Amino acid sequence: MSADLWQRGCERLAAELPEQQFNTWIRPLSVPEIAENGDAATVVTVRVPNRFKLDWIRNQYGGRIESLLSELAGKPVRFDIVLAAAPQRAVALANPGAAVTALPLMQAAQALVANGHRTSVGAASLPIAPALSITRLNTSLTFDNLVPGRANQMARTAALHVAGAPGQMYNPLFIYGGVGLGKTHLIHAVGNALLADRPNARVLYLHAEQFITDVVKNYQRKTFDELKAKYHQLDLLLIDDVQFFAGKERTQEEFFNAFEALLAKRGHIIMTSDTYPKGLADIDERLTSRFDAGLTVAIEPPELEMRVAILMRKAELEAAQMPEDVAFFVAKNVRANVRDLEGALRKILAYSRFSHKDINIALAREALKDLLSIQNRQVGVENIQKTVADFYKIKVADMYSKKRPASIARPRQIAMYLAKEMTQKSLPEIGELFGGRDHTTVLHAVRKIAGERQKNSELNQQLHVLEQTLKG
């Protein structure tokens, strides 16, 4: 086989793929090992440094690479990806001629920190950054136990990109959504994945309030060098709920400085918030524009199938069996977020254990009777119509009328969508409550709003507000 097969294949891929994708995933691949097997398929093997790159490249590009190489070779080619043996890592010091293995350097650094010493890096004298053990990561929150679905697909994909190639694409990564949807789980998963691949990486997770506390403490002590040393030397900063920075000017200034320093050294930043960047109140515009400069993705409330999968996975982790019909019953009645699903599951498991009864729909209904009665009282189609009409400043009567101007038709479609998502009514029943409309009209509205919600951050935020209002 021609030795330039791989080169020609890469040239074709470079023409097909977006430049960022090619440079991130394909260009860094090792020179392949090519094994000729006579009349059988030739095997082209490349080595990658970690499991995340292996899975991502195999799933996203493996099939295309294999068919492309087969086409160029004029015979079957099998494309294989394997993990490379991890080399011993080295850390270069300020003197380019001097290098020592990472472990002794880190031990020396941690000993200096423990004794309150400082160290010289180049010409500047700064405190050592935090020891690697102080990451504040929850090691139980990983990609393996994060249930994937349409609701978190884009955010999970972007997070996997960052875990596999930090400092390159999607920097910063800004993840937003309502409470209990899995934002915190996702950013912990990135931190844990990076440390699994690069144990010496400097990773720090913290809630925004912890950063605020750090700023206040260092402001009182006049020790801003320590603050800079802690945050400016990180490889990955994971920060939850940045909306808590609202109105805190000094905190915003220090975070802006840390933000700029990390981007300059190709450190990666992932943030979460309850709203998209432009929707943040009392945050300096230069910060929100930085937040928007990378990639902004939403995590939505989980769809029915995802809620079922989450319940069954969580039950397995509790060493309990949840029948599929029970999972569907619970998932249809608990729609808000993952946290509420977990709460419902705990109630069912506790009720089953205390009563010594098997888990079935009757037991689930009994265990969740308070929750179900609250939902039945609060969320009805009429309530949705009134809430949406008030929000968009139209008359409730417009929900049933035949009027079709956009100022009325749009809120009506939104109300239909919410009625389908938040009640047990069928499409014909919803249509009847909206002035005797056909079920196909309701279906069109539901699909239209659901599709736009994925792309339109302003609409998505409005729907979040309406959903939280309706849930009380």
Protein backbone atom coordinates (compact mmCIF):
# COMPACT_ATOMS: atom_id res chain seq x y z
CA MET A 1 0.00 0.00 0.00
CA SER A 2 1.20 3.48 -0.83
CA ALA A 3 2.90 5.16 2.11
CA ASP A 4 1.08 8.41 1.39
CA LEU A 5 -2.41 6.88 1.79
CA TRP A 6 -2.91 8.46 5.21
CA GLN A 7 -1.67 11.84 3.96
CA ARG A 8 -4.09 11.78 1.04
CA GLY A 9 -6.89 10.73 3.36
CA CYS A 10 -6.12 13.64 5.70
CA GLU A 11 -6.13 16.07 2.76
CA ARG A 12 -9.60 14.88 1.79
CA LEU A 13 -10.85 15.15 5.37
CA ALA A 14 -9.40 18.66 5.68
CA ALA A 15 -11.48 19.67 2.66
CA GLU A 16 -14.65 18.10 4.09
CA LEU A 17 -14.53 19.08 7.76
CA PRO A 18 -14.70 22.53 9.39
CA GLU A 19 -11.15 23.74 10.05
CA GLN A 20 -11.55 23.74 13.84
CA GLN A 21 -12.82 20.14 13.87
CA PHE A 22 -10.01 18.92 11.63
CA ASN A 23 -7.31 20.73 13.63
CA THR A 24 -8.68 19.48 16.95
CA TRP A 25 -9.37 15.82 16.18
CA ILE A 26 -7.65 14.67 12.98
CA ARG A 27 -4.45 16.65 12.54
CA PRO A 28 -2.96 15.61 15.95
CA LEU A 29 -3.39 11.88 15.23
CA SER A 30 -0.18 9.86 15.28
CA VAL A 31 1.47 8.49 12.15
CA PRO A 32 -0.54 5.30 11.58
CA GLU A 33 0.69 1.73 11.70
CA ILE A 34 -0.33 -0.06 8.48
CA ALA A 35 -0.69 -3.84 8.47
CA GLU A 36 -1.10 -5.58 5.09
CA ASN A 37 -3.03 -8.85 5.31
CA GLY A 38 -2.79 -10.17 1.76
CA ASP A 39 -6.27 -10.41 0.25
CA ALA A 40 -7.93 -9.50 3.58
CA ALA A 41 -8.65 -5.93 4.65
CA THR A 42 -5.63 -3.76 5.37
CA VAL A 43 -5.62 -2.46 8.96
CA VAL A 44 -4.68 1.19 9.59
CA THR A 45 -4.13 1.83 13.30
CA VAL A 46 -3.64 5.19 15.03
CA ARG A 47 -2.90 5.78 18.70
CA VAL A 48 -4.60 8.42 20.85
CA PRO A 49 -3.71 9.56 24.39
CA ASN A 50 -7.03 9.06 26.18
CA ARG A 51 -10.36 7.25 26.19
CA PHE A 52 -12.39 10.38 25.39
CA LYS A 53 -10.51 11.07 22.16
CA LEU A 54 -10.74 7.40 21.25
CA ASP A 55 -14.52 7.25 21.71
CA TRP A 56 -15.15 10.61 20.09
CA ILE A 57 -13.04 10.02 16.96
CA ARG A 58 -14.37 6.48 16.55
CA ASN A 59 -18.02 7.59 16.85
CA GLN A 60 -17.84 10.85 14.91
CA TYR A 61 -15.25 10.18 12.22
CA GLY A 62 -14.35 6.46 12.24
CA GLY A 63 -16.82 5.36 9.59
CA ARG A 64 -15.96 8.19 7.23
CA ILE A 65 -12.19 7.67 7.64
CA GLU A 66 -12.56 3.95 6.93
CA SER A 67 -14.63 4.45 3.77
CA LEU A 68 -12.33 7.23 2.56
CA LEU A 69 -9.19 5.11 3.02
CA SER A 70 -10.86 2.15 1.28
CA GLU A 71 -11.83 4.37 -1.64
CA LEU A 72 -8.31 5.78 -1.97
CA ALA A 73 -6.67 2.35 -1.61
CA GLY A 74 -9.02 0.64 -4.06
CA LYS A 75 -9.51 -2.22 -1.57
CA PRO A 76 -11.06 -2.76 1.89
CA VAL A 77 -9.32 -0.89 4.69
CA ARG A 78 -10.18 -1.26 8.39
CA PHE A 79 -9.53 1.83 10.51
CA ASP A 80 -8.64 1.10 14.14
CA ILE A 81 -7.96 3.39 17.12
CA VAL A 82 -6.10 2.28 20.24
CA LEU A 83 -4.88 3.93 23.41
CA ALA A 84 -1.23 4.96 23.45
CA ALA A 85 0.93 4.06 26.44
CA ALA A 86 1.17 7.13 28.68
CA PRO A 87 4.72 8.57 28.68
CA GLN A 88 6.26 9.90 31.88
CA ARG A 89 5.42 13.57 32.03
CA ALA A 90 8.01 16.32 32.45
CA VAL A 91 7.69 19.92 33.54
CA ALA A 92 9.96 22.53 31.94
CA LEU A 93 11.21 25.22 34.32
CA ALA A 94 12.03 28.84 33.54
CA ASN A 95 15.47 27.68 32.36
CA PRO A 96 14.72 25.85 29.08
CA GLY A 97 17.71 23.59 29.60
CA ALA A 98 16.45 22.23 32.91
CA ALA A 99 13.64 19.69 33.22
CA VAL A 100 12.59 17.39 36.03
CA THR A 101 9.84 14.83 36.30
CA ALA A 102 6.51 16.20 37.42
CA LEU A 103 6.15 14.20 40.61
CA PRO A 104 9.28 15.50 42.46
CA LEU A 105 8.45 19.05 41.38
CA MET A 106 4.90 18.79 42.72
CA GLN A 107 6.11 17.23 45.97
CA ALA A 108 8.55 20.10 46.43
CA ALA A 109 5.85 22.65 45.61
CA GLN A 110 3.38 21.12 48.06
CA ALA A 111 6.04 21.06 50.78
CA LEU A 112 6.69 24.77 50.18
CA VAL A 113 2.98 25.55 50.34
CA ALA A 114 2.65 23.63 53.59
CA ASN A 115 5.44 25.72 55.08
CA GLY A 116 4.10 29.03 53.77
CA HIS A 117 7.01 29.61 51.36
CA ARG A 118 7.00 31.25 47.95
CA THR A 119 8.77 30.13 44.81
CA SER A 120 10.32 31.97 41.89
CA VAL A 121 8.96 31.45 38.40
CA GLY A 122 11.13 33.27 35.92
CA ALA A 123 11.69 36.80 37.19
CA ALA A 124 8.43 37.05 39.17
CA SER A 125 7.94 35.90 42.75
CA LEU A 126 4.49 34.39 43.28
CA PRO A 127 2.92 31.99 45.76
CA ILE A 128 2.61 28.43 44.54
CA ALA A 129 -0.84 27.67 43.11
CA PRO A 130 -3.03 25.22 45.08
CA ALA A 131 -1.87 21.62 45.42
CA LEU A 132 -3.56 19.19 43.04
CA SER A 133 -5.58 17.59 45.84
CA ILE A 134 -7.57 20.82 46.28
CA THR A 135 -9.76 20.53 43.19
CA ARG A 136 -13.13 20.49 45.01
CA LEU A 137 -14.30 17.97 42.40
CA ASN A 138 -16.92 15.38 43.23
CA THR A 139 -15.27 12.26 41.82
CA SER A 140 -18.59 10.40 41.59
CA LEU A 141 -19.90 12.80 38.91
CA THR A 142 -18.57 11.46 35.60
CA PHE A 143 -19.58 11.11 31.97
CA ASP A 144 -20.19 7.40 32.59
CA ASN A 145 -23.08 8.02 35.00
CA LEU A 146 -24.53 11.06 33.20
CA VAL A 147 -27.61 9.86 31.32
CA PRO A 148 -27.45 11.26 27.76
CA GLY A 149 -30.49 12.49 25.88
CA ARG A 150 -31.79 15.17 23.56
CA ALA A 151 -32.10 17.60 26.47
CA ASN A 152 -28.36 17.61 27.20
CA GLN A 153 -26.97 16.38 23.88
CA MET A 154 -25.34 19.59 22.70
CA ALA A 155 -23.95 20.50 26.13
CA ARG A 156 -22.60 16.97 26.67
CA THR A 157 -20.97 16.92 23.22
CA ALA A 158 -19.28 20.27 23.84
CA ALA A 159 -18.12 19.11 27.29
CA LEU A 160 -16.58 15.97 25.76
CA HIS A 161 -14.74 18.19 23.26
CA VAL A 162 -13.28 20.22 26.13
CA ALA A 163 -12.34 17.11 28.13
CA GLY A 164 -10.49 15.70 25.14
CA ALA A 165 -8.79 18.90 23.99
CA PRO A 166 -8.85 21.61 26.70
CA GLY A 167 -7.79 25.11 25.71
CA GLN A 168 -8.66 24.63 22.05
CA MET A 169 -12.34 24.73 21.09
CA TYR A 170 -15.31 26.25 22.92
CA ASN A 171 -13.37 28.47 25.31
CA PRO A 172 -15.16 29.60 27.36
CA LEU A 173 -17.97 27.05 27.47
CA PHE A 174 -21.11 28.59 28.98
CA ILE A 175 -23.85 26.13 30.04
CA TYR A 176 -27.22 27.43 31.18
CA GLY A 177 -30.56 26.02 32.25
CA GLY A 178 -32.97 25.68 35.16
CA VAL A 179 -32.22 24.09 38.53
CA GLY A 180 -31.64 20.36 38.80
CA LEU A 181 -31.00 19.69 35.11
CA GLY A 182 -27.42 18.38 35.43
CA LYS A 183 -25.23 21.44 34.78
CA THR A 184 -23.08 20.80 37.86
CA HIS A 185 -22.77 17.08 37.07
CA LEU A 186 -21.56 17.92 33.58
CA ILE A 187 -18.78 20.31 34.60
CA HIS A 188 -17.56 17.94 37.33
CA ALA A 189 -17.45 15.23 34.64
CA VAL A 190 -15.13 17.40 32.51
CA GLY A 191 -12.80 18.01 35.46
CA ASN A 192 -12.69 14.32 36.40
CA ALA A 193 -12.08 13.30 32.77
CA LEU A 194 -9.19 15.75 32.38
CA LEU A 195 -7.54 14.57 35.60
CA ALA A 196 -7.93 10.93 34.53
CA ASP A 197 -6.02 11.80 31.37
CA ARG A 198 -3.59 14.33 32.88
CA PRO A 199 -3.17 13.74 36.62
CA ASN A 200 -0.92 16.81 36.98
CA ALA A 201 -3.41 19.23 35.41
CA ARG A 202 -4.42 22.14 37.64
CA VAL A 203 -8.20 21.87 37.92
CA LEU A 204 -10.48 23.79 40.28
CA TYR A 205 -14.25 23.62 40.72
CA LEU A 206 -16.08 26.17 42.81
CA HIS A 207 -19.43 27.83 43.23
CA ALA A 208 -19.53 31.53 42.37
CA GLU A 209 -20.14 32.35 46.02
CA GLN A 210 -16.80 30.72 46.92
CA PHE A 211 -15.04 32.98 44.43
CA ILE A 212 -16.79 35.99 45.97
CA THR A 213 -15.61 34.88 49.44
CA ASP A 214 -12.04 34.55 48.14
CA VAL A 215 -12.13 38.06 46.68
CA VAL A 216 -13.48 39.57 49.91
CA LYS A 217 -10.91 37.72 52.04
CA ASN A 218 -7.97 38.79 49.85
CA TYR A 219 -9.30 42.34 49.60
CA GLN A 220 -9.36 42.59 53.40
CA ARG A 221 -5.83 41.18 53.70
CA LYS A 222 -4.46 43.07 50.67
CA THR A 223 -3.15 39.75 49.32
CA PHE A 224 -4.24 39.91 45.69
CA ASP A 225 -1.00 38.21 44.56
CA GLU A 226 -2.28 35.08 46.29
CA LEU A 227 -5.63 35.38 44.51
CA LYS A 228 -3.86 35.72 41.16
CA ALA A 229 -1.59 32.76 41.90
CA LYS A 230 -4.58 30.61 42.79
CA TYR A 231 -6.67 31.32 39.71
CA HIS A 232 -4.36 32.60 36.96
CA GLN A 233 -2.25 29.42 36.78
CA LEU A 234 -5.09 26.91 36.36
CA ASP A 235 -5.49 24.61 33.37
CA LEU A 236 -9.24 24.30 33.90
CA LEU A 237 -11.56 26.51 35.94
CA LEU A 238 -15.10 25.23 36.54
CA ILE A 239 -17.41 27.78 38.09
CA ASP A 240 -21.07 27.25 38.96
CA ASP A 241 -23.89 29.84 38.99
CA VAL A 242 -22.09 32.95 37.70
CA GLN A 243 -25.37 34.87 38.08
CA PHE A 244 -24.31 35.29 41.75
CA PHE A 245 -21.71 37.83 40.56
CA ALA A 246 -24.56 40.29 39.92
CA GLY A 247 -23.90 43.72 41.43
CA LYS A 248 -20.50 42.76 42.89
CA GLU A 249 -18.14 45.07 41.04
CA ARG A 250 -14.84 44.07 42.65
CA THR A 251 -15.63 40.37 42.20
CA GLN A 252 -16.46 40.96 38.55
CA GLU A 253 -13.20 42.86 38.06
CA GLU A 254 -11.12 40.05 39.60
CA PHE A 255 -13.00 37.41 37.64
CA PHE A 256 -12.42 39.38 34.44
CA ASN A 257 -8.68 39.47 35.23
CA ALA A 258 -8.60 35.73 35.91
CA PHE A 259 -10.64 35.11 32.76
CA GLU A 260 -8.20 37.07 30.58
CA ALA A 261 -5.15 35.44 32.20
CA LEU A 262 -6.49 31.92 31.65
CA LEU A 263 -7.43 32.53 28.03
CA ALA A 264 -3.98 34.03 27.36
CA LYS A 265 -2.27 30.85 28.63
CA ARG A 266 -4.83 28.57 26.91
CA GLY A 267 -6.39 27.56 30.20
CA HIS A 268 -10.03 26.52 29.79
CA ILE A 269 -13.05 28.02 31.54
CA ILE A 270 -16.47 26.40 31.91
CA MET A 271 -19.30 28.29 33.57
CA THR A 272 -22.90 27.55 34.43
CA SER A 273 -25.79 29.93 34.94
CA ASP A 274 -29.56 29.93 35.24
CA THR A 275 -29.82 32.11 32.12
CA TYR A 276 -27.93 32.85 28.91
CA PRO A 277 -25.14 35.51 29.01
CA LYS A 278 -27.18 38.42 27.63
CA GLY A 279 -29.92 37.64 30.15
CA LEU A 280 -27.64 38.12 33.18
CA ALA A 281 -28.62 41.12 35.28
CA ASP A 282 -26.13 43.55 36.87
CA ILE A 283 -23.10 41.93 35.21
CA ASP A 284 -20.56 44.15 33.47
CA GLU A 285 -21.05 44.10 29.68
CA ARG A 286 -17.38 43.33 29.05
CA LEU A 287 -17.84 40.12 31.06
CA THR A 288 -21.05 39.02 29.34
CA SER A 289 -19.44 39.66 25.95
CA ARG A 290 -16.52 37.41 27.01
CA PHE A 291 -18.99 34.75 28.17
CA ASP A 292 -20.62 34.85 24.73
CA ALA A 293 -17.31 34.68 22.84
CA GLY A 294 -16.92 30.91 23.13
CA LEU A 295 -19.88 28.53 22.98
CA THR A 296 -23.17 28.97 24.82
CA VAL A 297 -25.36 25.87 25.18
CA ALA A 298 -28.55 25.12 27.07
CA ILE A 299 -29.55 22.07 29.09
CA GLU A 300 -33.29 21.55 28.76
CA PRO A 301 -35.72 19.73 31.03
CA PRO A 302 -35.35 16.03 30.13
CA GLU A 303 -37.79 14.54 27.62
CA LEU A 304 -39.96 11.55 28.57
CA GLU A 305 -37.61 8.80 27.34
CA MET A 306 -34.65 10.45 29.07
CA ARG A 307 -36.62 10.75 32.33
CA VAL A 308 -37.40 7.02 32.14
CA ALA A 309 -33.73 6.19 31.52
CA ILE A 310 -32.65 8.40 34.43
CA LEU A 311 -35.09 6.72 36.82
CA MET A 312 -34.02 3.22 35.85
CA ARG A 313 -30.31 4.11 36.06
CA LYS A 314 -30.73 5.76 39.48
CA ALA A 315 -32.71 2.78 40.73
CA GLU A 316 -29.89 0.45 39.64
CA LEU A 317 -27.40 2.56 41.58
CA GLU A 318 -29.62 2.08 44.64
CA ALA A 319 -29.56 -1.70 44.04
CA ALA A 320 -33.29 -1.63 43.30
CA GLN A 321 -35.31 -2.81 40.32
CA MET A 322 -37.77 -0.33 38.85
CA PRO A 323 -40.20 -1.90 36.37
CA GLU A 324 -40.39 0.00 33.09
CA ASP A 325 -44.12 0.70 33.41
CA VAL A 326 -43.53 2.31 36.83
CA ALA A 327 -40.67 4.39 35.40
CA PHE A 328 -42.98 5.62 32.63
CA PHE A 329 -45.71 6.45 35.15
CA VAL A 330 -43.32 8.49 37.28
CA ALA A 331 -41.66 10.13 34.28
CA LYS A 332 -45.03 11.27 32.91
CA ASN A 333 -45.92 12.88 36.22
CA VAL A 334 -42.55 14.34 37.26
CA ARG A 335 -41.42 16.58 34.42
CA ALA A 336 -39.49 19.44 35.98
CA ASN A 337 -35.90 18.27 36.39
CA VAL A 338 -33.53 15.47 37.38
CA ARG A 339 -33.52 16.55 41.04
CA ASP A 340 -37.30 16.13 41.27
CA LEU A 341 -37.03 12.71 39.61
CA GLU A 342 -34.45 11.64 42.20
CA GLY A 343 -36.72 12.88 44.99
CA ALA A 344 -39.66 10.91 43.60
CA LEU A 345 -37.51 7.79 43.29
CA ARG A 346 -36.33 8.08 46.90
CA LYS A 347 -39.94 8.31 48.10
CA ILE A 348 -40.93 5.21 46.11
CA LEU A 349 -37.94 3.17 47.32
CA ALA A 350 -38.50 4.19 50.93
CA TYR A 351 -42.23 3.39 50.71
CA SER A 352 -41.43 -0.01 49.19
CA ARG A 353 -38.88 -0.86 51.91
CA PHE A 354 -41.00 0.32 54.82
CA SER A 355 -44.16 -1.45 53.60
CA HIS A 356 -42.27 -4.57 52.39
CA LYS A 357 -44.13 -4.35 49.07
CA ASP A 358 -42.87 -4.73 45.52
CA ILE A 359 -42.61 -1.63 43.36
CA ASN A 360 -45.59 -1.25 41.02
CA ILE A 361 -47.76 1.59 39.72
CA ALA A 362 -50.20 1.37 42.64
CA LEU A 363 -47.34 1.68 45.14
CA ALA A 364 -45.79 4.57 43.18
CA ARG A 365 -49.15 6.36 43.08
CA GLU A 366 -49.51 5.97 46.85
CA ALA A 367 -45.92 7.06 47.56
CA LEU A 368 -46.28 10.18 45.38
CA LYS A 369 -49.89 11.07 46.24
CA ASP A 370 -48.96 14.44 47.77
CA LEU A 371 -46.86 15.39 44.76
CA LEU A 372 -49.52 14.25 42.29
CA SER A 373 -52.31 16.12 44.07
CA ILE A 374 -50.26 19.34 44.09
CA GLN A 375 -49.58 18.97 40.37
CA ASN A 376 -53.21 18.28 39.59
CA ARG A 377 -54.27 21.41 41.46
CA GLN A 378 -51.63 23.69 39.98
CA VAL A 379 -51.17 22.81 36.33
CA GLY A 380 -54.21 22.75 34.11
CA VAL A 381 -54.75 24.00 30.57
CA GLU A 382 -56.84 26.92 31.82
CA ASN A 383 -54.06 27.96 34.21
CA ILE A 384 -51.53 27.72 31.37
CA GLN A 385 -53.70 29.85 29.09
CA LYS A 386 -54.11 32.56 31.73
CA THR A 387 -50.41 32.57 32.67
CA VAL A 388 -49.26 32.79 29.04
CA ALA A 389 -51.85 35.47 28.21
CA ASP A 390 -50.70 37.58 31.16
CA PHE A 391 -47.03 37.10 30.21
CA TYR A 392 -47.55 38.22 26.60
CA LYS A 393 -50.15 40.87 27.50
CA ILE A 394 -53.05 39.50 25.47
CA LYS A 395 -56.58 38.53 26.51
CA VAL A 396 -57.34 35.01 27.71
CA ALA A 397 -60.20 34.99 25.20
CA ASP A 398 -57.60 35.25 22.41
CA MET A 399 -56.52 31.71 23.28
CA TYR A 400 -59.87 30.36 22.02
CA SER A 401 -60.52 32.90 19.26
CA LYS A 402 -59.97 32.49 15.52
CA LYS A 403 -57.76 35.60 15.37
CA ARG A 404 -54.45 34.91 13.64
CA PRO A 405 -52.13 37.96 13.92
CA ALA A 406 -48.63 37.00 15.09
CA SER A 407 -49.06 38.87 18.38
CA ILE A 408 -51.83 36.39 19.29
CA ALA A 409 -50.98 33.25 17.29
CA ARG A 410 -47.48 33.01 18.77
CA PRO A 411 -48.56 33.04 22.48
CA ARG A 412 -51.35 30.60 21.58
CA GLN A 413 -48.80 28.16 20.11
CA ILE A 414 -46.64 28.56 23.22
CA ALA A 415 -49.63 27.79 25.44
CA MET A 416 -50.40 24.67 23.37
CA TYR A 417 -46.79 23.54 23.70
CA LEU A 418 -46.85 24.02 27.49
CA ALA A 419 -50.21 22.24 27.73
CA LYS A 420 -48.71 19.20 25.97
CA GLU A 421 -45.55 19.29 28.11
CA MET A 422 -47.11 19.97 31.50
CA THR A 423 -50.48 18.20 31.53
CA GLN A 424 -51.78 14.71 30.82
CA LYS A 425 -54.20 15.97 28.15
CA SER A 426 -54.19 14.39 24.70
CA LEU A 427 -53.74 16.47 21.53
CA PRO A 428 -57.49 16.36 20.70
CA GLU A 429 -58.36 17.39 24.28
CA ILE A 430 -55.95 20.33 24.11
CA GLY A 431 -57.33 21.36 20.71
CA GLU A 432 -60.86 21.33 22.13
CA LEU A 433 -59.78 23.65 24.99
CA PHE A 434 -58.26 26.05 22.47
CA GLY A 435 -61.52 26.86 20.70
CA GLY A 436 -62.23 23.49 19.11
CA ARG A 437 -59.01 23.33 17.05
CA ASP A 438 -57.98 20.15 15.28
CA HIS A 439 -55.31 17.96 16.94
CA THR A 440 -53.02 18.49 13.92
CA THR A 441 -52.99 22.23 14.69
CA VAL A 442 -51.86 21.46 18.24
CA LEU A 443 -49.20 19.02 16.98
CA HIS A 444 -47.86 21.66 14.56
CA ALA A 445 -47.64 24.22 17.38
CA VAL A 446 -45.89 21.77 19.73
CA ARG A 447 -43.29 20.78 17.12
CA LYS A 448 -42.73 24.37 16.03
CA ILE A 449 -42.10 25.71 19.55
CA ALA A 450 -40.02 22.66 20.56
CA GLY A 451 -37.80 23.13 17.50
CA GLU A 452 -37.38 26.87 17.98
CA ARG A 453 -36.62 26.40 21.67
CA GLN A 454 -33.44 24.54 20.74
CA LYS A 455 -32.18 27.45 18.61
CA ASN A 456 -33.68 30.62 20.12
CA SER A 457 -32.16 31.46 23.51
CA GLU A 458 -34.66 34.28 24.14
CA LEU A 459 -37.66 31.99 23.58
CA ASN A 460 -36.01 29.30 25.71
CA GLN A 461 -35.61 31.76 28.60
CA GLN A 462 -39.25 32.89 28.29
CA LEU A 463 -40.38 29.26 28.44
CA HIS A 464 -38.23 28.64 31.53
CA VAL A 465 -39.90 31.59 33.25
CA LEU A 466 -43.38 30.38 32.30
CA GLU A 467 -42.63 26.82 33.46
CA GLN A 468 -41.29 27.99 36.82
CA THR A 469 -44.32 30.27 37.28
CA LEU A 470 -46.73 27.44 36.52
CA LYS A 471 -44.94 25.10 38.92
CA GLY A 472 -45.42 27.66 41.67
